Amino acid sequence: MMNNLFEKALSINPPWFVKEIRFDERQKKLDIFMALRRFEWAGGSLRSWSS
């Protein structure tokens, strides 16, 4: 749910997505990890996976 919020706030669109969010309160540091969703056409069906 939080990932979707950051995707909307940062205007991140498919095939990109927010994979992980880490916040270190002590260091006052926010890390946002993004990934690329890839698609493959195989045998008449569309499969997707994340990098």
N, C-alpha and C. Protein backbone atom coordinates (compact mmCIF):
# COMPACT_ATOMS: atom_id res chain seq x y z
N MET A 1 0.83 -1.19 0.00
CA MET A 1 0.00 0.00 0.00
C MET A 1 0.87 1.26 0.00
N MET A 2 1.90 1.25 0.83
CA MET A 2 2.79 2.41 0.90
C MET A 2 3.54 2.57 -0.41
N ASN A 3 3.88 1.45 -1.05
CA ASN A 3 4.58 1.52 -2.33
C ASN A 3 3.74 2.26 -3.37
N ASN A 4 2.44 1.97 -3.41
CA ASN A 4 1.55 2.64 -4.36
C ASN A 4 1.50 4.15 -4.11
N LEU A 5 1.51 4.54 -2.86
CA LEU A 5 1.50 5.96 -2.50
C LEU A 5 2.73 6.66 -3.07
N PHE A 6 3.90 6.05 -2.92
CA PHE A 6 5.12 6.64 -3.43
C PHE A 6 5.14 6.64 -4.96
N GLU A 7 4.61 5.60 -5.58
CA GLU A 7 4.53 5.57 -7.04
C GLU A 7 3.70 6.74 -7.56
N LYS A 8 2.60 7.00 -6.92
CA LYS A 8 1.74 8.12 -7.34
C LYS A 8 2.40 9.46 -7.06
N ALA A 9 3.00 9.60 -5.89
CA ALA A 9 3.62 10.87 -5.51
C ALA A 9 4.81 11.20 -6.41
N LEU A 10 5.53 10.17 -6.87
CA LEU A 10 6.72 10.38 -7.70
C LEU A 10 6.45 10.21 -9.19
N SER A 11 5.19 9.98 -9.53
CA SER A 11 4.78 9.77 -10.93
C SER A 11 5.55 8.63 -11.60
N ILE A 12 5.65 7.52 -10.89
CA ILE A 12 6.32 6.33 -11.42
C ILE A 12 5.27 5.49 -12.13
N ASN A 13 5.52 5.18 -13.40
CA ASN A 13 4.55 4.46 -14.21
C ASN A 13 5.13 3.14 -14.71
N PRO A 14 4.25 2.16 -14.98
CA PRO A 14 4.70 0.89 -15.53
C PRO A 14 5.47 1.13 -16.82
N PRO A 15 6.47 0.32 -17.03
CA PRO A 15 6.77 -0.94 -16.35
C PRO A 15 7.58 -0.78 -15.07
N TRP A 16 7.87 0.46 -14.63
CA TRP A 16 8.59 0.68 -13.37
C TRP A 16 7.65 0.58 -12.19
N PHE A 17 8.18 0.19 -11.03
CA PHE A 17 7.40 0.17 -9.81
C PHE A 17 8.32 0.28 -8.60
N VAL A 18 7.77 0.71 -7.47
CA VAL A 18 8.53 0.79 -6.23
C VAL A 18 8.56 -0.61 -5.62
N LYS A 19 9.75 -1.15 -5.50
CA LYS A 19 9.92 -2.51 -4.99
C LYS A 19 10.02 -2.54 -3.47
N GLU A 20 10.71 -1.54 -2.92
CA GLU A 20 10.93 -1.53 -1.47
C GLU A 20 11.18 -0.11 -0.99
N ILE A 21 10.76 0.16 0.25
CA ILE A 21 11.00 1.45 0.88
C ILE A 21 11.62 1.18 2.25
N ARG A 22 12.71 1.87 2.53
CA ARG A 22 13.35 1.74 3.85
C ARG A 22 13.55 3.13 4.44
N PHE A 23 13.18 3.26 5.71
CA PHE A 23 13.38 4.53 6.40
C PHE A 23 14.22 4.28 7.63
N ASP A 24 15.32 5.02 7.75
CA ASP A 24 16.19 4.94 8.92
C ASP A 24 16.00 6.23 9.71
N GLU A 25 15.25 6.12 10.78
CA GLU A 25 14.92 7.32 11.56
C GLU A 25 16.16 7.94 12.20
N ARG A 26 17.09 7.10 12.64
CA ARG A 26 18.30 7.60 13.29
C ARG A 26 19.13 8.44 12.32
N GLN A 27 19.26 7.97 11.09
CA GLN A 27 20.04 8.70 10.08
C GLN A 27 19.20 9.71 9.30
N LYS A 28 17.88 9.69 9.53
CA LYS A 28 16.95 10.55 8.80
C LYS A 28 17.13 10.33 7.30
N LYS A 29 17.04 9.04 6.92
CA LYS A 29 17.32 8.64 5.54
C LYS A 29 16.18 7.78 5.01
N LEU A 30 15.71 8.12 3.82
CA LEU A 30 14.66 7.37 3.14
C LEU A 30 15.24 6.80 1.85
N ASP A 31 15.22 5.49 1.71
CA ASP A 31 15.68 4.81 0.50
C ASP A 31 14.48 4.22 -0.21
N ILE A 32 14.37 4.52 -1.50
CA ILE A 32 13.29 3.99 -2.33
C ILE A 32 13.93 3.16 -3.43
N PHE A 33 13.59 1.87 -3.47
CA PHE A 33 14.14 0.97 -4.46
C PHE A 33 13.10 0.73 -5.54
N MET A 34 13.52 0.94 -6.78
CA MET A 34 12.62 0.74 -7.92
C MET A 34 13.08 -0.47 -8.72
N ALA A 35 12.14 -1.05 -9.46
CA ALA A 35 12.46 -2.18 -10.32
C ALA A 35 11.66 -2.05 -11.61
N LEU A 36 12.06 -2.84 -12.57
CA LEU A 36 11.43 -2.84 -13.88
C LEU A 36 10.68 -4.15 -14.06
N ARG A 37 9.39 -4.06 -14.32
CA ARG A 37 8.59 -5.26 -14.58
C ARG A 37 8.76 -5.60 -16.05
N ARG A 38 9.17 -6.82 -16.32
CA ARG A 38 9.42 -7.26 -17.69
C ARG A 38 8.34 -8.23 -18.13
N PHE A 39 8.10 -8.26 -19.42
CA PHE A 39 7.06 -9.12 -19.97
C PHE A 39 7.66 -10.04 -21.03
N GLU A 40 7.10 -11.21 -21.14
CA GLU A 40 7.56 -12.17 -22.13
C GLU A 40 6.36 -12.85 -22.75
N TRP A 41 6.38 -12.99 -24.05
CA TRP A 41 5.31 -13.68 -24.77
C TRP A 41 5.77 -15.12 -24.98
N ALA A 42 5.05 -16.07 -24.39
CA ALA A 42 5.47 -17.47 -24.48
C ALA A 42 4.26 -18.36 -24.68
N GLY A 43 4.21 -19.05 -25.79
CA GLY A 43 3.16 -20.03 -26.02
C GLY A 43 1.76 -19.46 -25.99
N GLY A 44 1.58 -18.25 -26.47
CA GLY A 44 0.24 -17.67 -26.52
C GLY A 44 -0.22 -17.02 -25.22
N SER A 45 0.68 -16.92 -24.24
CA SER A 45 0.29 -16.25 -22.99
C SER A 45 1.36 -15.23 -22.61
N LEU A 46 0.94 -14.22 -21.91
CA LEU A 46 1.84 -13.14 -21.48
C LEU A 46 2.24 -13.40 -20.04
N ARG A 47 3.55 -13.50 -19.81
CA ARG A 47 4.06 -13.70 -18.45
C ARG A 47 4.84 -12.47 -18.05
N SER A 48 4.82 -12.14 -16.76
CA SER A 48 5.60 -11.00 -16.28
C SER A 48 6.45 -11.44 -15.10
N TRP A 49 7.56 -10.76 -14.90
CA TRP A 49 8.40 -10.99 -13.74
C TRP A 49 9.10 -9.69 -13.40
N SER A 50 9.62 -9.62 -12.21
CA SER A 50 10.28 -8.41 -11.73
C SER A 50 11.77 -8.62 -11.74
N SER A 51 12.49 -7.54 -12.02
CA SER A 51 13.95 -7.64 -11.98
C SER A 51 14.45 -7.28 -10.60
